Amino acid sequence: MPLVNSISQLNEPITLVSYTMGNVNGVPVSNVRKEHFTTWALVLSQYLSEVKASVGTKLEDTG
């Protein structure tokens, strides 16, 4: 079963990165960014008001 129905749904490029120690002009530095790969992903967006409404409903059901 595919996770998306169409490749056109992949709307956001994402990059897997790591931060390591490295050397710049012979000086050791931290937080050197190393990109491993980039791919496209389906990123869903939700408005804050929708999140608050769903959380409020869940909290009311527990009481």
C-alpha atoms as a PDB file:
ATOM      1  CA  MET A   1       0.000   0.000   0.000  1.00  0.00           C
ATOM      2  CA  PRO A   2       1.594   3.306  -1.042  1.00  0.00           C
ATOM      3  CA  LEU A   3       1.891   6.125   1.450  1.00  0.00           C
ATOM      4  CA  VAL A   4       0.982   8.732  -1.185  1.00  0.00           C
ATOM      5  CA  ASN A   5      -1.310   8.374  -4.186  1.00  0.00           C
ATOM      6  CA  SER A   6       0.718  10.568  -6.505  1.00  0.00           C
ATOM      7  CA  ILE A   7       4.245  11.896  -6.677  1.00  0.00           C
ATOM      8  CA  SER A   8       2.767  15.378  -7.123  1.00  0.00           C
ATOM      9  CA  GLN A   9       1.696  15.236  -3.446  1.00  0.00           C
ATOM     10  CA  LEU A  10       5.356  15.409  -2.383  1.00  0.00           C
ATOM     11  CA  ASN A  11       5.497  19.126  -1.680  1.00  0.00           C
ATOM     12  CA  GLU A  12       8.566  19.805   0.471  1.00  0.00           C
ATOM     13  CA  PRO A  13      12.249  18.969   0.067  1.00  0.00           C
ATOM     14  CA  ILE A  14      13.870  17.650   3.237  1.00  0.00           C
ATOM     15  CA  THR A  15      17.579  17.108   3.869  1.00  0.00           C
ATOM     16  CA  LEU A  16      19.143  14.713   6.357  1.00  0.00           C
ATOM     17  CA  VAL A  17      22.095  16.470   7.996  1.00  0.00           C
ATOM     18  CA  SER A  18      24.514  15.865  10.842  1.00  0.00           C
ATOM     19  CA  TYR A  19      26.820  18.198  12.723  1.00  0.00           C
ATOM     20  CA  THR A  20      30.367  17.045  13.455  1.00  0.00           C
ATOM     21  CA  MET A  21      33.772  18.355  14.437  1.00  0.00           C
ATOM     22  CA  GLY A  22      35.929  19.629  11.602  1.00  0.00           C
ATOM     23  CA  ASN A  23      38.866  21.808  10.630  1.00  0.00           C
ATOM     24  CA  VAL A  24      38.664  25.234   9.012  1.00  0.00           C
ATOM     25  CA  ASN A  25      42.045  26.620   7.941  1.00  0.00           C
ATOM     26  CA  GLY A  26      43.749  24.193  10.346  1.00  0.00           C
ATOM     27  CA  VAL A  27      41.651  25.285  13.334  1.00  0.00           C
ATOM     28  CA  PRO A  28      39.345  22.671  14.931  1.00  0.00           C
ATOM     29  CA  VAL A  29      35.732  23.854  14.970  1.00  0.00           C
ATOM     30  CA  SER A  30      32.480  22.262  16.083  1.00  0.00           C
ATOM     31  CA  ASN A  31      29.116  22.153  14.350  1.00  0.00           C
ATOM     32  CA  VAL A  32      30.335  21.572  10.811  1.00  0.00           C
ATOM     33  CA  ARG A  33      27.209  20.751   8.802  1.00  0.00           C
ATOM     34  CA  LYS A  34      27.362  17.618   6.636  1.00  0.00           C
ATOM     35  CA  GLU A  35      24.448  16.917   4.274  1.00  0.00           C
ATOM     36  CA  HIS A  36      23.791  13.209   3.703  1.00  0.00           C
ATOM     37  CA  PHE A  37      20.937  13.286   1.193  1.00  0.00           C
ATOM     38  CA  THR A  38      17.892  15.286   0.091  1.00  0.00           C
ATOM     39  CA  THR A  39      14.495  13.875  -0.809  1.00  0.00           C
ATOM     40  CA  TRP A  40      10.921  15.059  -1.287  1.00  0.00           C
ATOM     41  CA  ALA A  41       8.247  14.493   1.353  1.00  0.00           C
ATOM     42  CA  LEU A  42       4.568  15.103   1.919  1.00  0.00           C
ATOM     43  CA  VAL A  43       4.450  17.677   4.724  1.00  0.00           C
ATOM     44  CA  LEU A  44       1.009  18.215   6.181  1.00  0.00           C
ATOM     45  CA  SER A  45       0.178  21.582   7.690  1.00  0.00           C
ATOM     46  CA  GLN A  46      -2.405  22.261  10.361  1.00  0.00           C
ATOM     47  CA  TYR A  47      -3.537  25.609  11.708  1.00  0.00           C
ATOM     48  CA  LEU A  48      -2.944  26.312  15.394  1.00  0.00           C
ATOM     49  CA  SER A  49      -6.664  26.858  15.982  1.00  0.00           C
ATOM     50  CA  GLU A  50      -7.366  23.335  14.672  1.00  0.00           C
ATOM     51  CA  VAL A  51      -4.748  21.860  17.014  1.00  0.00           C
ATOM     52  CA  LYS A  52      -6.166  23.749  19.997  1.00  0.00           C
ATOM     53  CA  ALA A  53      -9.688  22.600  19.140  1.00  0.00           C
ATOM     54  CA  SER A  54      -8.703  18.925  18.895  1.00  0.00           C
ATOM     55  CA  VAL A  55      -6.670  19.048  22.133  1.00  0.00           C
ATOM     56  CA  GLY A  56      -9.524  20.771  23.939  1.00  0.00           C
ATOM     57  CA  THR A  57     -11.952  18.087  22.788  1.00  0.00           C
ATOM     58  CA  LYS A  58      -9.628  15.305  23.964  1.00  0.00           C
ATOM     59  CA  LEU A  59      -9.196  16.928  27.386  1.00  0.00           C
ATOM     60  CA  GLU A  60     -12.949  17.359  27.819  1.00  0.00           C
ATOM     61  CA  ASP A  61     -13.526  13.668  27.043  1.00  0.00           C
ATOM     62  CA  THR A  62     -11.120  12.519  29.798  1.00  0.00           C
ATOM     63  CA  GLY A  63     -12.910  14.333  32.631  1.00  0.00           C
END
